[in-house]
Amino acid sequence: MLCAIYKSPKKDQTFLYVLRRDDFSAVPEALLNSFGPPQLVTLLNLAGRDQLANADIEKVRQSLNEQGFYLQMPPQQEDWLAEHKDWLNKEQQ
């Protein structure tokens, strides 16, 4: 399964996988508007891979087959300040 991977110029570490290069017909217009003009990163054959660096390859394949696209969001940042505040509140009780 070949796919094209694009990065977002608006959102850091956000990538859009589509089945065919420059074919965004399956991607909702609202998503494309918030994503910004897609910038091609690479073409990738998923058939020869067991894993991807920052995405679950099975979820990518399933989403491409069912929806025609996959959106990879940046990894969720840990909120150490909130965790510390929670810890302080528990210590005070």
C-alpha atoms as a PDB file:
ATOM      1  CA  MET A   1       0.000   0.000   0.000  1.00  0.00           C
ATOM      2  CA  LEU A   2       1.559   3.253  -1.134  1.00  0.00           C
ATOM      3  CA  CYS A   3       0.700   6.535   0.535  1.00  0.00           C
ATOM      4  CA  ALA A   4       1.815  10.140   0.419  1.00  0.00           C
ATOM      5  CA  ILE A   5       2.711  11.942   3.633  1.00  0.00           C
ATOM      6  CA  TYR A   6       2.318  15.698   4.021  1.00  0.00           C
ATOM      7  CA  LYS A   7       3.271  18.004   6.872  1.00  0.00           C
ATOM      8  CA  SER A   8       1.246  20.938   8.080  1.00  0.00           C
ATOM      9  CA  PRO A   9       2.758  24.416   7.762  1.00  0.00           C
ATOM     10  CA  LYS A  10       0.409  25.600  10.524  1.00  0.00           C
ATOM     11  CA  LYS A  11       0.719  22.858  13.136  1.00  0.00           C
ATOM     12  CA  ASP A  12       4.105  21.539  14.217  1.00  0.00           C
ATOM     13  CA  GLN A  13       4.560  17.749  14.072  1.00  0.00           C
ATOM     14  CA  THR A  14       1.191  17.228  12.350  1.00  0.00           C
ATOM     15  CA  PHE A  15       1.120  14.958   9.299  1.00  0.00           C
ATOM     16  CA  LEU A  16      -1.550  13.890   6.823  1.00  0.00           C
ATOM     17  CA  TYR A  17      -1.366  10.504   5.068  1.00  0.00           C
ATOM     18  CA  VAL A  18      -3.360  10.051   1.842  1.00  0.00           C
ATOM     19  CA  LEU A  19      -3.590   7.183  -0.628  1.00  0.00           C
ATOM     20  CA  ARG A  20      -2.503   9.153  -3.696  1.00  0.00           C
ATOM     21  CA  ARG A  21      -0.160  12.071  -4.105  1.00  0.00           C
ATOM     22  CA  ASP A  22      -2.020  15.411  -4.181  1.00  0.00           C
ATOM     23  CA  ASP A  23      -5.427  13.687  -3.860  1.00  0.00           C
ATOM     24  CA  PHE A  24      -7.181  15.240  -0.874  1.00  0.00           C
ATOM     25  CA  SER A  25     -10.702  14.387  -2.019  1.00  0.00           C
ATOM     26  CA  ALA A  26     -11.305  12.123   1.023  1.00  0.00           C
ATOM     27  CA  VAL A  27     -10.097  14.748   3.515  1.00  0.00           C
ATOM     28  CA  PRO A  28     -12.826  16.946   5.047  1.00  0.00           C
ATOM     29  CA  GLU A  29     -12.589  20.577   3.985  1.00  0.00           C
ATOM     30  CA  ALA A  30     -12.546  21.810   7.597  1.00  0.00           C
ATOM     31  CA  LEU A  31      -9.534  19.602   8.317  1.00  0.00           C
ATOM     32  CA  LEU A  32      -7.679  20.875   5.253  1.00  0.00           C
ATOM     33  CA  ASN A  33      -8.421  24.480   6.247  1.00  0.00           C
ATOM     34  CA  SER A  34      -6.990  24.009   9.737  1.00  0.00           C
ATOM     35  CA  PHE A  35      -4.092  21.900   8.417  1.00  0.00           C
ATOM     36  CA  GLY A  36      -2.990  24.563   5.929  1.00  0.00           C
ATOM     37  CA  PRO A  37      -1.500  23.981   2.470  1.00  0.00           C
ATOM     38  CA  PRO A  38      -0.091  20.418   2.676  1.00  0.00           C
ATOM     39  CA  GLN A  39       3.650  20.159   2.071  1.00  0.00           C
ATOM     40  CA  LEU A  40       4.805  16.830   0.650  1.00  0.00           C
ATOM     41  CA  VAL A  41       7.300  15.030   2.882  1.00  0.00           C
ATOM     42  CA  THR A  42       7.593  11.596   1.264  1.00  0.00           C
ATOM     43  CA  LEU A  43       5.933   8.729  -0.550  1.00  0.00           C
ATOM     44  CA  LEU A  44       5.938   5.557   1.530  1.00  0.00           C
ATOM     45  CA  ASN A  45       5.140   1.910   0.888  1.00  0.00           C
ATOM     46  CA  LEU A  46       3.378   0.659   4.016  1.00  0.00           C
ATOM     47  CA  ALA A  47       3.276  -2.931   2.731  1.00  0.00           C
ATOM     48  CA  GLY A  48       6.961  -3.476   3.436  1.00  0.00           C
ATOM     49  CA  ARG A  49       6.875  -2.054   6.959  1.00  0.00           C
ATOM     50  CA  ASP A  50       6.076  -3.457  10.371  1.00  0.00           C
ATOM     51  CA  GLN A  51       6.111  -0.128  12.200  1.00  0.00           C
ATOM     52  CA  LEU A  52       6.322   3.629  11.854  1.00  0.00           C
ATOM     53  CA  ALA A  53       8.318   6.026  14.010  1.00  0.00           C
ATOM     54  CA  ASN A  54       5.453   8.000  15.565  1.00  0.00           C
ATOM     55  CA  ALA A  55       2.241   6.270  14.511  1.00  0.00           C
ATOM     56  CA  ASP A  56       0.598   2.877  14.897  1.00  0.00           C
ATOM     57  CA  ILE A  57       0.956   1.342  11.436  1.00  0.00           C
ATOM     58  CA  GLU A  58      -2.215  -0.750  11.812  1.00  0.00           C
ATOM     59  CA  LYS A  59      -4.255   2.371  12.651  1.00  0.00           C
ATOM     60  CA  VAL A  60      -2.729   4.151   9.667  1.00  0.00           C
ATOM     61  CA  ARG A  61      -3.591   1.275   7.311  1.00  0.00           C
ATOM     62  CA  GLN A  62      -7.108   0.935   8.699  1.00  0.00           C
ATOM     63  CA  SER A  63      -7.799   4.664   8.466  1.00  0.00           C
ATOM     64  CA  LEU A  64      -6.457   4.847   4.919  1.00  0.00           C
ATOM     65  CA  ASN A  65      -8.643   1.894   3.875  1.00  0.00           C
ATOM     66  CA  GLU A  66     -11.798   3.129   5.626  1.00  0.00           C
ATOM     67  CA  GLN A  67     -11.533   6.923   5.350  1.00  0.00           C
ATOM     68  CA  GLY A  68      -8.952   7.522   2.640  1.00  0.00           C
ATOM     69  CA  PHE A  69      -6.681   9.521   4.955  1.00  0.00           C
ATOM     70  CA  TYR A  70      -4.931   9.429   8.341  1.00  0.00           C
ATOM     71  CA  LEU A  71      -4.093  12.435  10.506  1.00  0.00           C
ATOM     72  CA  GLN A  72      -1.020  12.115  12.739  1.00  0.00           C
ATOM     73  CA  MET A  73      -1.084  14.579  15.599  1.00  0.00           C
ATOM     74  CA  PRO A  74       1.966  15.576  17.660  1.00  0.00           C
ATOM     75  CA  PRO A  75       2.669  13.531  20.769  1.00  0.00           C
ATOM     76  CA  GLN A  76       0.778  14.798  23.780  1.00  0.00           C
ATOM     77  CA  GLN A  77       2.963  16.917  26.035  1.00  0.00           C
ATOM     78  CA  GLU A  78       3.133  16.054  29.710  1.00  0.00           C
ATOM     79  CA  ASP A  79       1.826  18.816  31.950  1.00  0.00           C
ATOM     80  CA  TRP A  80       4.278  18.637  34.819  1.00  0.00           C
ATOM     81  CA  LEU A  81       2.895  21.752  36.476  1.00  0.00           C
ATOM     82  CA  ALA A  82      -0.603  20.259  36.681  1.00  0.00           C
ATOM     83  CA  GLU A  83       0.806  16.974  37.984  1.00  0.00           C
ATOM     84  CA  HIS A  84       2.800  18.851  40.622  1.00  0.00           C
ATOM     85  CA  LYS A  85      -0.279  20.839  41.693  1.00  0.00           C
ATOM     86  CA  ASP A  86      -2.288  17.621  41.973  1.00  0.00           C
ATOM     87  CA  TRP A  87       0.473  16.099  44.069  1.00  0.00           C
ATOM     88  CA  LEU A  88       0.563  19.178  46.336  1.00  0.00           C
ATOM     89  CA  ASN A  89      -3.213  19.050  46.811  1.00  0.00           C
ATOM     90  CA  LYS A  90      -3.045  15.378  47.783  1.00  0.00           C
ATOM     91  CA  GLU A  91      -0.216  16.078  50.248  1.00  0.00           C
ATOM     92  CA  GLN A  92      -2.234  18.841  51.928  1.00  0.00           C
ATOM     93  CA  GLN A  93      -5.264  16.588  52.507  1.00  0.00           C
END
